[in-house]
Amino acid sequence: MTSQTKKAVLVCDDEKGIRESLKLILSGGYDLTFAENGVEALEALKSMSPAAVLLDIKMPKLHGLEILKEIKKLRPALPVIIVTGYQSAEIAQESIRAGAADYIPKPFDAAKILETLAAVTGK
């Protein structure tokens, strides 16, 4: 698969280990851009058109739900998948209400990440 056929995915997570794990899982099939916080993620969206965003909830500077709402203002049709260790039914429901395409709790399963991304990107 050439990089021309890979769909772009923006990964926003403040934990280096999570970013590294997602890189290992996804780099073969997706063109990845990483952001360590919401400010970086929103900045990255100005210069790229990802097929999807993987977004953590608990991060410094901006909370994931705030970032999600900003992404939805900028790009309403862009699928955003919440990937978080902060598990609660309330956060999951609020994420979906704010426009998230899906909610995946950490620790995540590689197959679940791949399956969810494939579903939202049409891959």
C-alpha atoms as a PDB file:
ATOM      1  CA  MET A   1       0.000   0.000   0.000  1.00  0.00           C
ATOM      2  CA  THR A   2       1.521   3.335  -0.983  1.00  0.00           C
ATOM      3  CA  SER A   3       1.264   6.439   1.161  1.00  0.00           C
ATOM      4  CA  GLN A   4      -1.014   7.911  -1.535  1.00  0.00           C
ATOM      5  CA  THR A   5      -3.672   5.307  -0.735  1.00  0.00           C
ATOM      6  CA  LYS A   6      -3.301   5.565   3.054  1.00  0.00           C
ATOM      7  CA  LYS A   7      -5.932   7.611   4.790  1.00  0.00           C
ATOM      8  CA  ALA A   8      -4.696  10.291   7.173  1.00  0.00           C
ATOM      9  CA  VAL A   9      -5.503   9.986  10.875  1.00  0.00           C
ATOM     10  CA  LEU A  10      -4.830  12.595  13.548  1.00  0.00           C
ATOM     11  CA  VAL A  11      -3.966  11.064  16.948  1.00  0.00           C
ATOM     12  CA  CYS A  12      -4.290  13.393  19.939  1.00  0.00           C
ATOM     13  CA  ASP A  13      -3.098  11.954  23.262  1.00  0.00           C
ATOM     14  CA  ASP A  14      -0.817  13.399  25.927  1.00  0.00           C
ATOM     15  CA  GLU A  15       0.626   9.984  26.852  1.00  0.00           C
ATOM     16  CA  LYS A  16       3.707   9.063  24.825  1.00  0.00           C
ATOM     17  CA  GLY A  17       3.127   5.332  25.429  1.00  0.00           C
ATOM     18  CA  ILE A  18      -0.363   5.529  23.947  1.00  0.00           C
ATOM     19  CA  ARG A  19       0.907   7.454  20.913  1.00  0.00           C
ATOM     20  CA  GLU A  20       3.632   4.825  20.420  1.00  0.00           C
ATOM     21  CA  SER A  21       1.126   1.973  20.739  1.00  0.00           C
ATOM     22  CA  LEU A  22      -1.205   3.558  18.200  1.00  0.00           C
ATOM     23  CA  LYS A  23       1.751   4.153  15.877  1.00  0.00           C
ATOM     24  CA  LEU A  24       2.624   0.440  16.011  1.00  0.00           C
ATOM     25  CA  ILE A  25      -0.989  -0.591  15.403  1.00  0.00           C
ATOM     26  CA  LEU A  26      -1.864   1.898  12.674  1.00  0.00           C
ATOM     27  CA  SER A  27       1.261   2.974  10.786  1.00  0.00           C
ATOM     28  CA  GLY A  28       0.996   0.116   8.275  1.00  0.00           C
ATOM     29  CA  GLY A  29      -2.427   1.193   7.074  1.00  0.00           C
ATOM     30  CA  TYR A  30      -2.724   4.886   7.877  1.00  0.00           C
ATOM     31  CA  ASP A  31      -0.756   8.088   7.436  1.00  0.00           C
ATOM     32  CA  LEU A  32      -0.491   9.326  11.036  1.00  0.00           C
ATOM     33  CA  THR A  33      -0.075  12.783  12.512  1.00  0.00           C
ATOM     34  CA  PHE A  34       0.390  13.095  16.281  1.00  0.00           C
ATOM     35  CA  ALA A  35      -0.598  15.870  18.682  1.00  0.00           C
ATOM     36  CA  GLU A  36       0.282  15.889  22.383  1.00  0.00           C
ATOM     37  CA  ASN A  37      -2.581  18.194  23.356  1.00  0.00           C
ATOM     38  CA  GLY A  38      -5.703  19.840  22.027  1.00  0.00           C
ATOM     39  CA  VAL A  39      -3.991  23.049  20.981  1.00  0.00           C
ATOM     40  CA  GLU A  40      -1.610  21.036  18.759  1.00  0.00           C
ATOM     41  CA  ALA A  41      -4.519  19.000  17.392  1.00  0.00           C
ATOM     42  CA  LEU A  42      -6.543  22.053  16.417  1.00  0.00           C
ATOM     43  CA  GLU A  43      -3.431  23.611  14.863  1.00  0.00           C
ATOM     44  CA  ALA A  44      -2.771  20.407  12.864  1.00  0.00           C
ATOM     45  CA  LEU A  45      -6.330  20.472  11.506  1.00  0.00           C
ATOM     46  CA  LYS A  46      -5.595  23.817   9.846  1.00  0.00           C
ATOM     47  CA  SER A  47      -3.071  22.174   7.536  1.00  0.00           C
ATOM     48  CA  MET A  48      -4.427  18.646   7.072  1.00  0.00           C
ATOM     49  CA  SER A  49      -7.623  16.846   6.136  1.00  0.00           C
ATOM     50  CA  PRO A  50      -7.661  13.603   8.118  1.00  0.00           C
ATOM     51  CA  ALA A  51     -10.154  10.839   7.475  1.00  0.00           C
ATOM     52  CA  ALA A  52     -10.589  10.513  11.262  1.00  0.00           C
ATOM     53  CA  VAL A  53      -9.322  11.724  14.643  1.00  0.00           C
ATOM     54  CA  LEU A  54      -8.442   9.562  17.645  1.00  0.00           C
ATOM     55  CA  LEU A  55      -8.871  11.787  20.690  1.00  0.00           C
ATOM     56  CA  ASP A  56      -8.093  11.361  24.395  1.00  0.00           C
ATOM     57  CA  ILE A  57     -10.399  12.995  26.960  1.00  0.00           C
ATOM     58  CA  LYS A  58      -8.109  13.901  29.876  1.00  0.00           C
ATOM     59  CA  MET A  59      -5.296  16.122  28.633  1.00  0.00           C
ATOM     60  CA  PRO A  60      -3.527  19.300  29.687  1.00  0.00           C
ATOM     61  CA  LYS A  61      -4.498  22.686  28.212  1.00  0.00           C
ATOM     62  CA  LEU A  62      -7.854  21.640  26.719  1.00  0.00           C
ATOM     63  CA  HIS A  63     -10.202  18.856  27.833  1.00  0.00           C
ATOM     64  CA  GLY A  64     -11.020  16.316  25.121  1.00  0.00           C
ATOM     65  CA  LEU A  65     -14.704  17.258  25.048  1.00  0.00           C
ATOM     66  CA  GLU A  66     -13.770  20.902  24.405  1.00  0.00           C
ATOM     67  CA  ILE A  67     -11.504  19.768  21.562  1.00  0.00           C
ATOM     68  CA  LEU A  68     -14.260  17.545  20.172  1.00  0.00           C
ATOM     69  CA  LYS A  69     -16.689  20.479  20.129  1.00  0.00           C
ATOM     70  CA  GLU A  70     -14.109  22.686  18.367  1.00  0.00           C
ATOM     71  CA  ILE A  71     -13.378  19.976  15.778  1.00  0.00           C
ATOM     72  CA  LYS A  72     -17.103  19.626  15.101  1.00  0.00           C
ATOM     73  CA  LYS A  73     -17.393  23.402  14.564  1.00  0.00           C
ATOM     74  CA  LEU A  74     -14.471  23.335  12.093  1.00  0.00           C
ATOM     75  CA  ARG A  75     -15.323  20.065  10.357  1.00  0.00           C
ATOM     76  CA  PRO A  76     -18.788  18.758  11.239  1.00  0.00           C
ATOM     77  CA  ALA A  77     -18.461  15.590   9.119  1.00  0.00           C
ATOM     78  CA  LEU A  78     -15.023  14.551  10.449  1.00  0.00           C
ATOM     79  CA  PRO A  79     -15.309  11.305  12.467  1.00  0.00           C
ATOM     80  CA  VAL A  80     -13.801  11.638  15.953  1.00  0.00           C
ATOM     81  CA  ILE A  81     -13.203   8.511  18.014  1.00  0.00           C
ATOM     82  CA  ILE A  82     -12.724   9.040  21.746  1.00  0.00           C
ATOM     83  CA  VAL A  83      -9.998   6.761  23.164  1.00  0.00           C
ATOM     84  CA  THR A  84      -9.707   7.253  26.912  1.00  0.00           C
ATOM     85  CA  GLY A  85      -8.719   5.709  30.204  1.00  0.00           C
ATOM     86  CA  TYR A  86     -11.258   7.961  31.899  1.00  0.00           C
ATOM     87  CA  GLN A  87     -14.169   5.570  31.731  1.00  0.00           C
ATOM     88  CA  SER A  88     -17.656   6.565  32.704  1.00  0.00           C
ATOM     89  CA  ALA A  89     -21.055   6.173  31.115  1.00  0.00           C
ATOM     90  CA  GLU A  90     -21.573   9.928  31.543  1.00  0.00           C
ATOM     91  CA  ILE A  91     -18.415  10.818  29.581  1.00  0.00           C
ATOM     92  CA  ALA A  92     -19.268   8.261  26.887  1.00  0.00           C
ATOM     93  CA  GLN A  93     -22.790   9.688  26.513  1.00  0.00           C
ATOM     94  CA  GLU A  94     -21.538  13.280  26.531  1.00  0.00           C
ATOM     95  CA  SER A  95     -18.940  12.400  23.866  1.00  0.00           C
ATOM     96  CA  ILE A  96     -21.539  10.853  21.590  1.00  0.00           C
ATOM     97  CA  ARG A  97     -23.926  13.797  22.143  1.00  0.00           C
ATOM     98  CA  ALA A  98     -21.077  16.183  21.215  1.00  0.00           C
ATOM     99  CA  GLY A  99     -20.606  14.327  17.940  1.00  0.00           C
ATOM    100  CA  ALA A 100     -18.067  11.563  18.594  1.00  0.00           C
ATOM    101  CA  ALA A 101     -18.359   8.656  16.157  1.00  0.00           C
ATOM    102  CA  ASP A 102     -17.395   6.122  18.840  1.00  0.00           C
ATOM    103  CA  TYR A 103     -15.909   5.711  22.318  1.00  0.00           C
ATOM    104  CA  ILE A 104     -13.137   3.203  23.060  1.00  0.00           C
ATOM    105  CA  PRO A 105     -11.927   2.696  26.648  1.00  0.00           C
ATOM    106  CA  LYS A 106      -8.231   2.180  27.506  1.00  0.00           C
ATOM    107  CA  PRO A 107      -6.577  -0.196  27.697  1.00  0.00           C
ATOM    108  CA  PHE A 108      -7.756  -0.686  24.155  1.00  0.00           C
ATOM    109  CA  ASP A 109      -7.650  -3.729  21.960  1.00  0.00           C
ATOM    110  CA  ALA A 110      -5.704  -3.306  18.693  1.00  0.00           C
ATOM    111  CA  ALA A 111      -8.415  -5.112  16.725  1.00  0.00           C
ATOM    112  CA  LYS A 112     -11.100  -2.775  18.123  1.00  0.00           C
ATOM    113  CA  ILE A 113      -9.087   0.316  17.121  1.00  0.00           C
ATOM    114  CA  LEU A 114      -8.538  -1.050  13.592  1.00  0.00           C
ATOM    115  CA  GLU A 115     -12.171  -2.141  13.222  1.00  0.00           C
ATOM    116  CA  THR A 116     -13.558   1.203  14.438  1.00  0.00           C
ATOM    117  CA  LEU A 117     -11.221   3.259  12.232  1.00  0.00           C
ATOM    118  CA  ALA A 118     -12.057   1.097   9.217  1.00  0.00           C
ATOM    119  CA  ALA A 119     -15.767   1.620   9.886  1.00  0.00           C
ATOM    120  CA  VAL A 120     -15.568   5.417  10.119  1.00  0.00           C
ATOM    121  CA  THR A 121     -13.100   5.903   7.250  1.00  0.00           C
ATOM    122  CA  GLY A 122     -14.713   3.445   4.871  1.00  0.00           C
ATOM    123  CA  LYS A 123     -11.479   1.501   4.607  1.00  0.00           C
END
